[in-house]
N, C-alpha and C. Protein backbone atom coordinates (compact mmCIF):
# COMPACT_ATOMS: atom_id res chain seq x y z
N MET A 1 49.71 -26.67 -16.61
CA MET A 1 48.61 -25.74 -16.43
C MET A 1 47.84 -25.61 -17.75
N PRO A 2 46.51 -25.86 -17.74
CA PRO A 2 45.77 -25.83 -19.01
C PRO A 2 45.54 -24.40 -19.50
N GLN A 3 45.42 -24.28 -20.79
CA GLN A 3 45.18 -22.96 -21.39
C GLN A 3 43.70 -22.61 -21.30
N LEU A 4 43.46 -21.31 -21.20
CA LEU A 4 42.09 -20.82 -21.11
C LEU A 4 41.45 -20.81 -22.49
N ASP A 5 40.26 -21.40 -22.59
CA ASP A 5 39.56 -21.45 -23.87
C ASP A 5 38.79 -20.15 -24.07
N THR A 6 39.22 -19.36 -25.06
CA THR A 6 38.59 -18.07 -25.31
C THR A 6 37.76 -18.08 -26.58
N SER A 7 37.45 -19.24 -27.09
CA SER A 7 36.71 -19.30 -28.37
C SER A 7 35.28 -18.78 -28.24
N THR A 8 34.67 -18.87 -27.07
CA THR A 8 33.28 -18.43 -26.91
C THR A 8 33.17 -17.00 -26.38
N TRP A 9 34.27 -16.37 -26.11
CA TRP A 9 34.21 -15.03 -25.53
C TRP A 9 33.56 -14.01 -26.46
N PHE A 10 33.87 -14.09 -27.73
CA PHE A 10 33.32 -13.11 -28.68
C PHE A 10 31.80 -13.19 -28.70
N ILE A 11 31.27 -14.38 -28.81
CA ILE A 11 29.81 -14.56 -28.84
C ILE A 11 29.19 -14.11 -27.52
N THR A 12 29.82 -14.40 -26.42
CA THR A 12 29.30 -14.02 -25.10
C THR A 12 29.27 -12.50 -24.96
N ILE A 13 30.35 -11.85 -25.33
CA ILE A 13 30.43 -10.39 -25.19
C ILE A 13 29.45 -9.71 -26.14
N MET A 14 29.36 -10.19 -27.37
CA MET A 14 28.43 -9.56 -28.33
C MET A 14 26.98 -9.76 -27.92
N SER A 15 26.64 -10.92 -27.41
CA SER A 15 25.26 -11.14 -26.98
C SER A 15 24.95 -10.29 -25.75
N MET A 16 25.92 -10.09 -24.87
CA MET A 16 25.72 -9.24 -23.70
C MET A 16 25.49 -7.78 -24.13
N ILE A 17 26.25 -7.31 -25.07
CA ILE A 17 26.11 -5.94 -25.54
C ILE A 17 24.75 -5.75 -26.22
N MET A 18 24.36 -6.71 -27.04
CA MET A 18 23.05 -6.60 -27.70
C MET A 18 21.91 -6.65 -26.69
N THR A 19 22.04 -7.51 -25.70
CA THR A 19 20.99 -7.60 -24.67
C THR A 19 20.88 -6.30 -23.90
N LEU A 20 22.00 -5.71 -23.51
CA LEU A 20 21.98 -4.43 -22.81
C LEU A 20 21.36 -3.34 -23.67
N PHE A 21 21.70 -3.33 -24.94
CA PHE A 21 21.13 -2.34 -25.85
C PHE A 21 19.61 -2.48 -25.93
N ILE A 22 19.15 -3.70 -26.08
CA ILE A 22 17.70 -3.93 -26.18
C ILE A 22 17.00 -3.55 -24.88
N VAL A 23 17.58 -3.89 -23.75
CA VAL A 23 16.97 -3.56 -22.46
C VAL A 23 16.88 -2.06 -22.29
N PHE A 24 17.93 -1.34 -22.62
CA PHE A 24 17.91 0.11 -22.49
C PHE A 24 16.93 0.75 -23.47
N GLN A 25 16.83 0.20 -24.66
CA GLN A 25 15.85 0.73 -25.62
C GLN A 25 14.44 0.55 -25.10
N LEU A 26 14.17 -0.59 -24.50
CA LEU A 26 12.84 -0.83 -23.95
C LEU A 26 12.55 0.09 -22.77
N LYS A 27 13.56 0.33 -21.95
CA LYS A 27 13.36 1.24 -20.81
C LYS A 27 13.10 2.66 -21.29
N ILE A 28 13.86 3.10 -22.26
CA ILE A 28 13.72 4.47 -22.75
C ILE A 28 12.39 4.65 -23.49
N SER A 29 11.93 3.62 -24.18
CA SER A 29 10.70 3.76 -24.96
C SER A 29 9.46 3.86 -24.08
N LYS A 30 9.57 3.57 -22.80
CA LYS A 30 8.42 3.67 -21.89
C LYS A 30 8.10 5.12 -21.55
N TYR A 31 9.07 6.02 -21.69
CA TYR A 31 8.84 7.41 -21.35
C TYR A 31 8.06 8.10 -22.45
N LEU A 32 7.17 9.00 -22.05
CA LEU A 32 6.37 9.75 -23.01
C LEU A 32 6.97 11.15 -23.15
N TYR A 33 7.46 11.44 -24.34
CA TYR A 33 8.02 12.75 -24.62
C TYR A 33 7.03 13.55 -25.46
N LEU A 34 6.79 14.78 -25.06
CA LEU A 34 5.89 15.62 -25.83
C LEU A 34 6.62 16.14 -27.06
N SER A 35 5.96 16.06 -28.19
CA SER A 35 6.63 16.48 -29.43
C SER A 35 6.79 18.00 -29.49
N SER A 36 5.74 18.72 -29.05
CA SER A 36 5.86 20.18 -29.04
C SER A 36 5.27 20.68 -27.72
N PRO A 37 6.09 20.97 -26.77
CA PRO A 37 5.58 21.43 -25.48
C PRO A 37 4.91 22.79 -25.59
N GLU A 38 3.78 22.91 -24.93
CA GLU A 38 3.03 24.16 -24.97
C GLU A 38 3.21 24.90 -23.65
N PRO A 39 3.33 26.22 -23.72
CA PRO A 39 3.49 26.97 -22.47
C PRO A 39 2.20 26.94 -21.65
N LYS A 40 2.39 26.90 -20.36
CA LYS A 40 1.23 26.91 -19.47
C LYS A 40 0.63 28.31 -19.44
N SER A 41 -0.67 28.35 -19.22
CA SER A 41 -1.32 29.66 -19.17
C SER A 41 -0.89 30.38 -17.89
N MET A 42 -0.73 31.67 -18.03
CA MET A 42 -0.24 32.47 -16.91
C MET A 42 -1.38 33.05 -16.08
N ILE A 43 -2.61 32.67 -16.37
CA ILE A 43 -3.75 33.18 -15.61
C ILE A 43 -3.79 32.46 -14.27
N THR A 44 -3.72 33.24 -13.22
CA THR A 44 -3.75 32.64 -11.89
C THR A 44 -5.06 33.03 -11.22
N LEU A 45 -5.61 32.09 -10.54
CA LEU A 45 -6.86 32.36 -9.82
C LEU A 45 -6.52 32.93 -8.46
N LYS A 46 -7.23 33.97 -8.09
CA LYS A 46 -6.96 34.61 -6.81
C LYS A 46 -7.59 33.78 -5.70
N GLN A 47 -6.78 33.39 -4.76
CA GLN A 47 -7.26 32.62 -3.62
C GLN A 47 -7.65 33.59 -2.51
N LEU A 48 -8.85 33.41 -2.01
CA LEU A 48 -9.30 34.27 -0.92
C LEU A 48 -8.83 33.69 0.41
N ASN A 49 -8.12 34.50 1.14
CA ASN A 49 -7.68 34.09 2.47
C ASN A 49 -8.79 34.42 3.47
N PRO A 50 -8.79 33.75 4.59
CA PRO A 50 -9.87 34.02 5.56
C PRO A 50 -9.93 35.48 6.00
N TRP A 51 -8.79 36.14 6.09
CA TRP A 51 -8.81 37.53 6.54
C TRP A 51 -9.21 38.48 5.41
N GLU A 52 -9.30 38.01 4.17
CA GLU A 52 -9.73 38.87 3.08
C GLU A 52 -11.24 38.81 2.86
N LYS A 53 -11.92 37.88 3.48
CA LYS A 53 -13.36 37.74 3.27
C LYS A 53 -14.15 38.80 4.01
N LYS A 54 -13.65 39.29 5.09
CA LYS A 54 -14.40 40.29 5.84
C LYS A 54 -13.49 41.47 6.16
N TRP A 55 -14.12 42.60 6.44
CA TRP A 55 -13.36 43.81 6.73
C TRP A 55 -12.87 43.76 8.17
N THR A 56 -11.62 43.99 8.32
CA THR A 56 -11.04 44.03 9.67
C THR A 56 -10.24 45.30 9.81
N LYS A 57 -10.15 45.75 11.04
CA LYS A 57 -9.36 46.95 11.31
C LYS A 57 -8.42 46.63 12.46
N ILE A 58 -7.19 47.02 12.28
CA ILE A 58 -6.20 46.77 13.32
C ILE A 58 -5.94 48.10 14.02
N TYR A 59 -6.12 48.10 15.30
CA TYR A 59 -5.89 49.32 16.09
C TYR A 59 -4.47 49.30 16.63
N SER A 60 -3.74 50.32 16.31
CA SER A 60 -2.42 50.42 16.92
C SER A 60 -2.57 51.14 18.27
N PRO A 61 -1.74 50.86 19.21
CA PRO A 61 -1.87 51.48 20.54
C PRO A 61 -1.78 53.01 20.50
N LEU A 62 -1.07 53.57 19.52
CA LEU A 62 -0.92 55.02 19.49
C LEU A 62 -2.17 55.70 18.94
N SER A 63 -3.00 54.98 18.19
CA SER A 63 -4.18 55.62 17.61
C SER A 63 -5.40 55.53 18.56
N LEU A 64 -5.29 54.77 19.63
CA LEU A 64 -6.40 54.67 20.59
C LEU A 64 -6.51 55.95 21.39
N PRO A 65 -7.70 56.30 21.81
CA PRO A 65 -7.82 57.53 22.63
C PRO A 65 -7.13 57.36 23.98
N GLN A 66 -6.55 58.41 24.40
CA GLN A 66 -5.83 58.33 25.67
C GLN A 66 -6.83 58.33 26.84
N GLN A 67 -6.45 57.64 27.87
CA GLN A 67 -7.35 57.52 29.03
C GLN A 67 -6.87 58.31 30.21
């Protein structure tokens, strides 16, 4: 039974680790990180709903005149 040649394993493993490191560095460098994040303004614009544009009155059955 022949012996397994392990002379190239070190170079193979080291090149694989370096390649993975470079690939991950390139992937991470694509993201844009803000150096100093600024808080968003808390001013909110009031949205007008359709029922707020005009005056409406809701009549409850108890407030109607009796017949």
